[in-house]
């Protein structure tokens, strides 16, 4: 999954690009009754326009609507993975609506076409969850690492002129008995001038 905002944006664009192509092929295949080479060629030929329109639909309608529906039906305490699955499920359904409109126009045929295409989500959702999302994540991580987007998130380990723990550890360790009173421990810390190492819970 994306590790920062830049990767999140790139992830959305890459995953949407692939899923719009897949959904266009499936939807056209249902329309002509053959999800074969003709459907995938049609989807590839029409992909540029479908991608532009699909991204506008995704960013302006599908994603906000999916998140709004998810927030309505999912509790704040629900696991993030279930919220993610809910959003992706809703996005596939809404993109199926978009595909029906693209295939049949704003006509009654789009309504009936939606129900003909609706079973495609049973194919598209596993493709998205199991193939497209992980693949998009790997691409995004590779680009993010190459671009240095995650350097600030990486733990910084300073260079030290030491090799072992013994080179930096405190050798004079002061202790008190487990049954000693707190005032005895405080007195010892004052005497040894170690109050500056405040204990924090």
C-alpha atoms as a PDB file:
ATOM      1  CA  UNK A   1       0.000   0.000   0.000  1.00  0.00           C
ATOM      2  CA  UNK A   2       1.119   3.626  -0.453  1.00  0.00           C
ATOM      3  CA  UNK A   3       3.481   4.904   2.241  1.00  0.00           C
ATOM      4  CA  UNK A   4       2.887   8.627   1.749  1.00  0.00           C
ATOM      5  CA  UNK A   5       0.731  11.141  -0.114  1.00  0.00           C
ATOM      6  CA  UNK A   6       2.740  11.126  -3.338  1.00  0.00           C
ATOM      7  CA  UNK A   7       2.641   7.356  -3.540  1.00  0.00           C
ATOM      8  CA  UNK A   8      -1.080   7.436  -2.782  1.00  0.00           C
ATOM      9  CA  UNK A   9      -1.792   9.694  -5.745  1.00  0.00           C
ATOM     10  CA  UNK A  10       0.417   7.656  -8.077  1.00  0.00           C
ATOM     11  CA  UNK A  11      -1.154   4.432  -6.791  1.00  0.00           C
ATOM     12  CA  UNK A  12      -4.636   5.705  -7.654  1.00  0.00           C
ATOM     13  CA  UNK A  13      -3.607   6.707 -11.178  1.00  0.00           C
ATOM     14  CA  UNK A  14      -1.825   3.416 -11.918  1.00  0.00           C
ATOM     15  CA  UNK A  15      -4.498   1.158 -10.448  1.00  0.00           C
ATOM     16  CA  UNK A  16      -7.283   3.123 -12.145  1.00  0.00           C
ATOM     17  CA  UNK A  17      -5.466   2.930 -15.491  1.00  0.00           C
ATOM     18  CA  UNK A  18      -5.337  -0.858 -15.309  1.00  0.00           C
ATOM     19  CA  UNK A  19      -8.830  -1.340 -13.889  1.00  0.00           C
ATOM     20  CA  UNK A  20     -10.465   0.986 -16.426  1.00  0.00           C
ATOM     21  CA  UNK A  21      -8.920  -1.082 -19.204  1.00  0.00           C
ATOM     22  CA  UNK A  22     -10.016  -4.367 -17.602  1.00  0.00           C
ATOM     23  CA  UNK A  23     -13.541  -3.124 -16.885  1.00  0.00           C
ATOM     24  CA  UNK A  24     -13.904  -1.674 -20.389  1.00  0.00           C
ATOM     25  CA  UNK A  25     -12.940  -5.029 -21.918  1.00  0.00           C
ATOM     26  CA  UNK A  26     -15.283  -6.990 -19.644  1.00  0.00           C
ATOM     27  CA  UNK A  27     -18.191  -4.609 -20.155  1.00  0.00           C
ATOM     28  CA  UNK A  28     -17.775  -4.527 -23.940  1.00  0.00           C
ATOM     29  CA  UNK A  29     -17.406  -8.286 -23.959  1.00  0.00           C
ATOM     30  CA  UNK A  30     -20.738  -8.642 -22.163  1.00  0.00           C
ATOM     31  CA  UNK A  31     -22.317  -6.239 -24.652  1.00  0.00           C
ATOM     32  CA  UNK A  32     -21.196  -8.230 -27.719  1.00  0.00           C
ATOM     33  CA  UNK A  33     -21.425 -11.612 -25.994  1.00  0.00           C
ATOM     34  CA  UNK A  34     -17.734 -12.490 -26.340  1.00  0.00           C
ATOM     35  CA  UNK A  35     -15.007 -11.526 -23.871  1.00  0.00           C
ATOM     36  CA  UNK A  36     -12.251 -12.377 -26.340  1.00  0.00           C
ATOM     37  CA  UNK A  37      -9.574 -10.622 -28.354  1.00  0.00           C
ATOM     38  CA  UNK A  38     -12.114  -8.218 -29.903  1.00  0.00           C
ATOM     39  CA  UNK A  39     -13.179  -6.966 -26.471  1.00  0.00           C
ATOM     40  CA  UNK A  40      -9.601  -6.408 -25.289  1.00  0.00           C
ATOM     41  CA  UNK A  41      -8.666  -4.702 -28.573  1.00  0.00           C
ATOM     42  CA  UNK A  42     -11.712  -2.457 -28.304  1.00  0.00           C
ATOM     43  CA  UNK A  43     -10.781  -1.556 -24.722  1.00  0.00           C
ATOM     44  CA  UNK A  44      -7.189  -0.773 -25.732  1.00  0.00           C
ATOM     45  CA  UNK A  45      -8.277   1.402 -28.662  1.00  0.00           C
ATOM     46  CA  UNK A  46     -10.707   3.356 -26.499  1.00  0.00           C
ATOM     47  CA  UNK A  47      -8.515   3.378 -23.382  1.00  0.00           C
ATOM     48  CA  UNK A  48      -7.137   6.977 -23.633  1.00  0.00           C
ATOM     49  CA  UNK A  49     -10.590   8.567 -23.683  1.00  0.00           C
ATOM     50  CA  UNK A  50     -11.970   6.047 -21.207  1.00  0.00           C
ATOM     51  CA  UNK A  51      -9.038   6.724 -18.862  1.00  0.00           C
ATOM     52  CA  UNK A  52      -9.536  10.495 -18.896  1.00  0.00           C
ATOM     53  CA  UNK A  53     -13.296  10.232 -18.394  1.00  0.00           C
ATOM     54  CA  UNK A  54     -12.857   7.357 -15.930  1.00  0.00           C
ATOM     55  CA  UNK A  55     -10.361   9.256 -13.778  1.00  0.00           C
ATOM     56  CA  UNK A  56     -12.660  12.266 -13.636  1.00  0.00           C
ATOM     57  CA  UNK A  57     -15.511   9.950 -12.679  1.00  0.00           C
ATOM     58  CA  UNK A  58     -13.303   8.155 -10.154  1.00  0.00           C
ATOM     59  CA  UNK A  59     -11.889  11.272  -8.475  1.00  0.00           C
ATOM     60  CA  UNK A  60     -15.090  13.321  -8.529  1.00  0.00           C
ATOM     61  CA  UNK A  61     -17.791  10.681  -8.068  1.00  0.00           C
ATOM     62  CA  UNK A  62     -16.719   7.092  -7.381  1.00  0.00           C
ATOM     63  CA  UNK A  63     -14.065   7.591  -4.694  1.00  0.00           C
ATOM     64  CA  UNK A  64     -15.914  10.307  -2.703  1.00  0.00           C
ATOM     65  CA  UNK A  65     -19.207   8.393  -2.962  1.00  0.00           C
ATOM     66  CA  UNK A  66     -17.576   5.104  -1.958  1.00  0.00           C
ATOM     67  CA  UNK A  67     -15.924   6.714   1.059  1.00  0.00           C
ATOM     68  CA  UNK A  68     -19.161   8.444   2.081  1.00  0.00           C
ATOM     69  CA  UNK A  69     -21.104   5.155   1.885  1.00  0.00           C
ATOM     70  CA  UNK A  70     -18.322   3.337   3.746  1.00  0.00           C
ATOM     71  CA  UNK A  71     -18.334   5.948   6.524  1.00  0.00           C
ATOM     72  CA  UNK A  72     -22.115   5.559   6.806  1.00  0.00           C
ATOM     73  CA  UNK A  73     -22.134   1.799   7.177  1.00  0.00           C
ATOM     74  CA  UNK A  74     -18.737   1.145   8.795  1.00  0.00           C
ATOM     75  CA  UNK A  75     -18.028   2.052  12.407  1.00  0.00           C
ATOM     76  CA  UNK A  76     -14.926   4.045  13.314  1.00  0.00           C
ATOM     77  CA  UNK A  77     -13.661   1.020  15.234  1.00  0.00           C
ATOM     78  CA  UNK A  78     -13.897  -1.330  12.250  1.00  0.00           C
ATOM     79  CA  UNK A  79     -10.613  -2.713  10.972  1.00  0.00           C
ATOM     80  CA  UNK A  80      -8.929  -0.713   8.215  1.00  0.00           C
ATOM     81  CA  UNK A  81      -8.749  -3.794   5.978  1.00  0.00           C
ATOM     82  CA  UNK A  82     -12.561  -4.154   5.985  1.00  0.00           C
ATOM     83  CA  UNK A  83     -12.999  -0.457   5.256  1.00  0.00           C
ATOM     84  CA  UNK A  84     -10.573  -0.811   2.349  1.00  0.00           C
ATOM     85  CA  UNK A  85     -12.422  -3.825   0.959  1.00  0.00           C
ATOM     86  CA  UNK A  86     -15.742  -1.974   1.282  1.00  0.00           C
ATOM     87  CA  UNK A  87     -14.418   1.050  -0.607  1.00  0.00           C
ATOM     88  CA  UNK A  88     -12.908  -1.099  -3.366  1.00  0.00           C
ATOM     89  CA  UNK A  89     -16.130  -3.097  -3.692  1.00  0.00           C
ATOM     90  CA  UNK A  90     -18.201   0.065  -4.018  1.00  0.00           C
ATOM     91  CA  UNK A  91     -15.745   1.568  -6.500  1.00  0.00           C
ATOM     92  CA  UNK A  92     -15.998  -1.494  -8.737  1.00  0.00           C
ATOM     93  CA  UNK A  93     -19.807  -1.297  -8.612  1.00  0.00           C
ATOM     94  CA  UNK A  94     -19.787   2.429  -9.420  1.00  0.00           C
ATOM     95  CA  UNK A  95     -17.280   1.894 -12.226  1.00  0.00           C
ATOM     96  CA  UNK A  96     -19.624  -0.761 -13.606  1.00  0.00           C
ATOM     97  CA  UNK A  97     -22.324   1.919 -13.691  1.00  0.00           C
ATOM     98  CA  UNK A  98     -19.876   4.182 -15.517  1.00  0.00           C
ATOM     99  CA  UNK A  99     -19.081   1.366 -17.963  1.00  0.00           C
ATOM    100  CA  UNK A 100     -22.768   0.803 -18.682  1.00  0.00           C
ATOM    101  CA  UNK A 101     -23.250   4.500 -19.430  1.00  0.00           C
ATOM    102  CA  UNK A 102     -20.160   4.520 -21.664  1.00  0.00           C
ATOM    103  CA  UNK A 103     -21.426   1.461 -23.544  1.00  0.00           C
ATOM    104  CA  UNK A 104     -25.118   2.358 -23.878  1.00  0.00           C
ATOM    105  CA  UNK A 105     -25.238   6.117 -23.288  1.00  0.00           C
ATOM    106  CA  UNK A 106     -27.688   7.889 -21.016  1.00  0.00           C
ATOM    107  CA  UNK A 107     -30.594   5.690 -22.086  1.00  0.00           C
ATOM    108  CA  UNK A 108     -32.789   3.022 -20.562  1.00  0.00           C
ATOM    109  CA  UNK A 109     -30.404   0.564 -22.220  1.00  0.00           C
ATOM    110  CA  UNK A 110     -27.741   1.698 -19.734  1.00  0.00           C
ATOM    111  CA  UNK A 111     -30.024   0.577 -16.879  1.00  0.00           C
ATOM    112  CA  UNK A 112     -30.580  -2.867 -18.332  1.00  0.00           C
ATOM    113  CA  UNK A 113     -26.959  -2.966 -19.444  1.00  0.00           C
ATOM    114  CA  UNK A 114     -25.832  -2.330 -15.875  1.00  0.00           C
ATOM    115  CA  UNK A 115     -27.596  -5.462 -14.668  1.00  0.00           C
ATOM    116  CA  UNK A 116     -26.083  -7.418 -17.544  1.00  0.00           C
ATOM    117  CA  UNK A 117     -22.630  -6.103 -16.605  1.00  0.00           C
ATOM    118  CA  UNK A 118     -23.119  -6.290 -12.837  1.00  0.00           C
ATOM    119  CA  UNK A 119     -21.770  -9.871 -12.574  1.00  0.00           C
ATOM    120  CA  UNK A 120     -18.467  -8.482 -13.860  1.00  0.00           C
ATOM    121  CA  UNK A 121     -17.706  -7.142 -10.403  1.00  0.00           C
ATOM    122  CA  UNK A 122     -17.352 -10.752  -9.209  1.00  0.00           C
ATOM    123  CA  UNK A 123     -14.466 -10.974 -11.661  1.00  0.00           C
ATOM    124  CA  UNK A 124     -13.172  -7.421 -11.381  1.00  0.00           C
ATOM    125  CA  UNK A 125     -13.011  -7.322  -7.572  1.00  0.00           C
ATOM    126  CA  UNK A 126     -10.683 -10.350  -7.205  1.00  0.00           C
ATOM    127  CA  UNK A 127      -8.590  -9.031 -10.102  1.00  0.00           C
ATOM    128  CA  UNK A 128      -8.306  -5.676  -8.348  1.00  0.00           C
ATOM    129  CA  UNK A 129      -7.606  -7.088  -4.867  1.00  0.00           C
ATOM    130  CA  UNK A 130      -5.304  -9.962  -5.800  1.00  0.00           C
ATOM    131  CA  UNK A 131      -3.490  -8.732  -8.908  1.00  0.00           C
ATOM    132  CA  UNK A 132      -3.890  -5.057  -9.794  1.00  0.00           C
ATOM    133  CA  UNK A 133      -3.549  -3.549  -6.300  1.00  0.00           C
ATOM    134  CA  UNK A 134      -0.420  -5.566  -5.313  1.00  0.00           C
ATOM    135  CA  UNK A 135       1.160  -4.949  -8.746  1.00  0.00           C
ATOM    136  CA  UNK A 136       0.387  -1.224  -8.541  1.00  0.00           C
ATOM    137  CA  UNK A 137       1.825  -1.161  -5.023  1.00  0.00           C
ATOM    138  CA  UNK A 138       5.107  -2.718  -6.153  1.00  0.00           C
ATOM    139  CA  UNK A 139       5.403  -0.236  -9.035  1.00  0.00           C
ATOM    140  CA  UNK A 140       4.647   2.692  -6.729  1.00  0.00           C
ATOM    141  CA  UNK A 141       7.131   1.519  -4.090  1.00  0.00           C
ATOM    142  CA  UNK A 142       9.853   1.141  -6.732  1.00  0.00           C
ATOM    143  CA  UNK A 143       9.190   4.629  -8.080  1.00  0.00           C
ATOM    144  CA  UNK A 144       8.939   6.090  -4.588  1.00  0.00           C
ATOM    145  CA  UNK A 145      12.237   4.525  -3.522  1.00  0.00           C
ATOM    146  CA  UNK A 146      13.976   5.683  -6.715  1.00  0.00           C
ATOM    147  CA  UNK A 147      12.617   9.219  -6.278  1.00  0.00           C
ATOM    148  CA  UNK A 148      13.538   9.314  -2.591  1.00  0.00           C
ATOM    149  CA  UNK A 149       9.981  10.030  -1.443  1.00  0.00           C
ATOM    150  CA  UNK A 150      10.422   7.927   1.697  1.00  0.00           C
ATOM    151  CA  UNK A 151      13.762   9.155   2.987  1.00  0.00           C
ATOM    152  CA  UNK A 152      12.112  11.275   5.658  1.00  0.00           C
ATOM    153  CA  UNK A 153      10.145   8.269   6.866  1.00  0.00           C
ATOM    154  CA  UNK A 154      13.195   6.056   7.151  1.00  0.00           C
ATOM    155  CA  UNK A 155      14.846   5.821  10.547  1.00  0.00           C
ATOM    156  CA  UNK A 156      18.054   7.816  10.643  1.00  0.00           C
ATOM    157  CA  UNK A 157      20.958   5.931  12.184  1.00  0.00           C
ATOM    158  CA  UNK A 158      23.830   8.313  12.917  1.00  0.00           C
ATOM    159  CA  UNK A 159      27.383   7.289  12.144  1.00  0.00           C
ATOM    160  CA  UNK A 160      29.254   6.437  15.357  1.00  0.00           C
ATOM    161  CA  UNK A 161      32.978   6.056  15.968  1.00  0.00           C
ATOM    162  CA  UNK A 162      32.352   2.986  18.111  1.00  0.00           C
ATOM    163  CA  UNK A 163      32.043  -0.692  17.346  1.00  0.00           C
ATOM    164  CA  UNK A 164      30.582  -2.392  20.385  1.00  0.00           C
ATOM    165  CA  UNK A 165      28.108  -1.639  23.157  1.00  0.00           C
ATOM    166  CA  UNK A 166      30.958  -1.791  25.646  1.00  0.00           C
ATOM    167  CA  UNK A 167      32.422   1.327  24.010  1.00  0.00           C
ATOM    168  CA  UNK A 168      29.418   3.434  25.009  1.00  0.00           C
ATOM    169  CA  UNK A 169      27.878   1.674  28.006  1.00  0.00           C
ATOM    170  CA  UNK A 170      28.068   2.962  31.579  1.00  0.00           C
ATOM    171  CA  UNK A 171      30.508   0.833  33.539  1.00  0.00           C
ATOM    172  CA  UNK A 172      29.801   2.264  37.009  1.00  0.00           C
ATOM    173  CA  UNK A 173      26.293   1.066  37.739  1.00  0.00           C
ATOM    174  CA  UNK A 174      24.672   2.039  41.036  1.00  0.00           C
ATOM    175  CA  UNK A 175      21.846  -0.013  42.511  1.00  0.00           C
ATOM    176  CA  UNK A 176      19.686  -0.168  45.607  1.00  0.00           C
ATOM    177  CA  UNK A 177      18.033  -3.164  47.172  1.00  0.00           C
ATOM    178  CA  UNK A 178      14.536  -4.042  45.985  1.00  0.00           C
ATOM    179  CA  UNK A 179      13.171  -3.468  49.488  1.00  0.00           C
ATOM    180  CA  UNK A 180      14.850  -0.060  49.861  1.00  0.00           C
ATOM    181  CA  UNK A 181      12.672   3.000  50.295  1.00  0.00           C
ATOM    182  CA  UNK A 182      12.268   5.487  47.508  1.00  0.00           C
ATOM    183  CA  UNK A 183      13.985   8.177  49.586  1.00  0.00           C
ATOM    184  CA  UNK A 184      17.093   5.965  49.708  1.00  0.00           C
ATOM    185  CA  UNK A 185      17.144   5.738  45.916  1.00  0.00           C
ATOM    186  CA  UNK A 186      16.698   9.506  45.591  1.00  0.00           C
ATOM    187  CA  UNK A 187      19.460  10.164  48.121  1.00  0.00           C
ATOM    188  CA  UNK A 188      21.820   7.850  46.227  1.00  0.00           C
ATOM    189  CA  UNK A 189      21.015   9.567  42.912  1.00  0.00           C
ATOM    190  CA  UNK A 190      21.740  12.964  44.436  1.00  0.00           C
ATOM    191  CA  UNK A 191      25.012  11.794  45.916  1.00  0.00           C
ATOM    192  CA  UNK A 192      26.169  10.249  42.630  1.00  0.00           C
ATOM    193  CA  UNK A 193      24.965  13.233  40.584  1.00  0.00           C
ATOM    194  CA  UNK A 194      22.793  11.141  38.284  1.00  0.00           C
ATOM    195  CA  UNK A 195      19.505  13.042  38.700  1.00  0.00           C
ATOM    196  CA  UNK A 196      20.002  14.493  35.230  1.00  0.00           C
ATOM    197  CA  UNK A 197      19.109  11.075  33.776  1.00  0.00           C
ATOM    198  CA  UNK A 198      15.420  11.464  34.547  1.00  0.00           C
ATOM    199  CA  UNK A 199      13.392   8.280  34.427  1.00  0.00           C
ATOM    200  CA  UNK A 200      10.436   8.553  32.067  1.00  0.00           C
ATOM    201  CA  UNK A 201       7.533   6.176  32.029  1.00  0.00           C
END
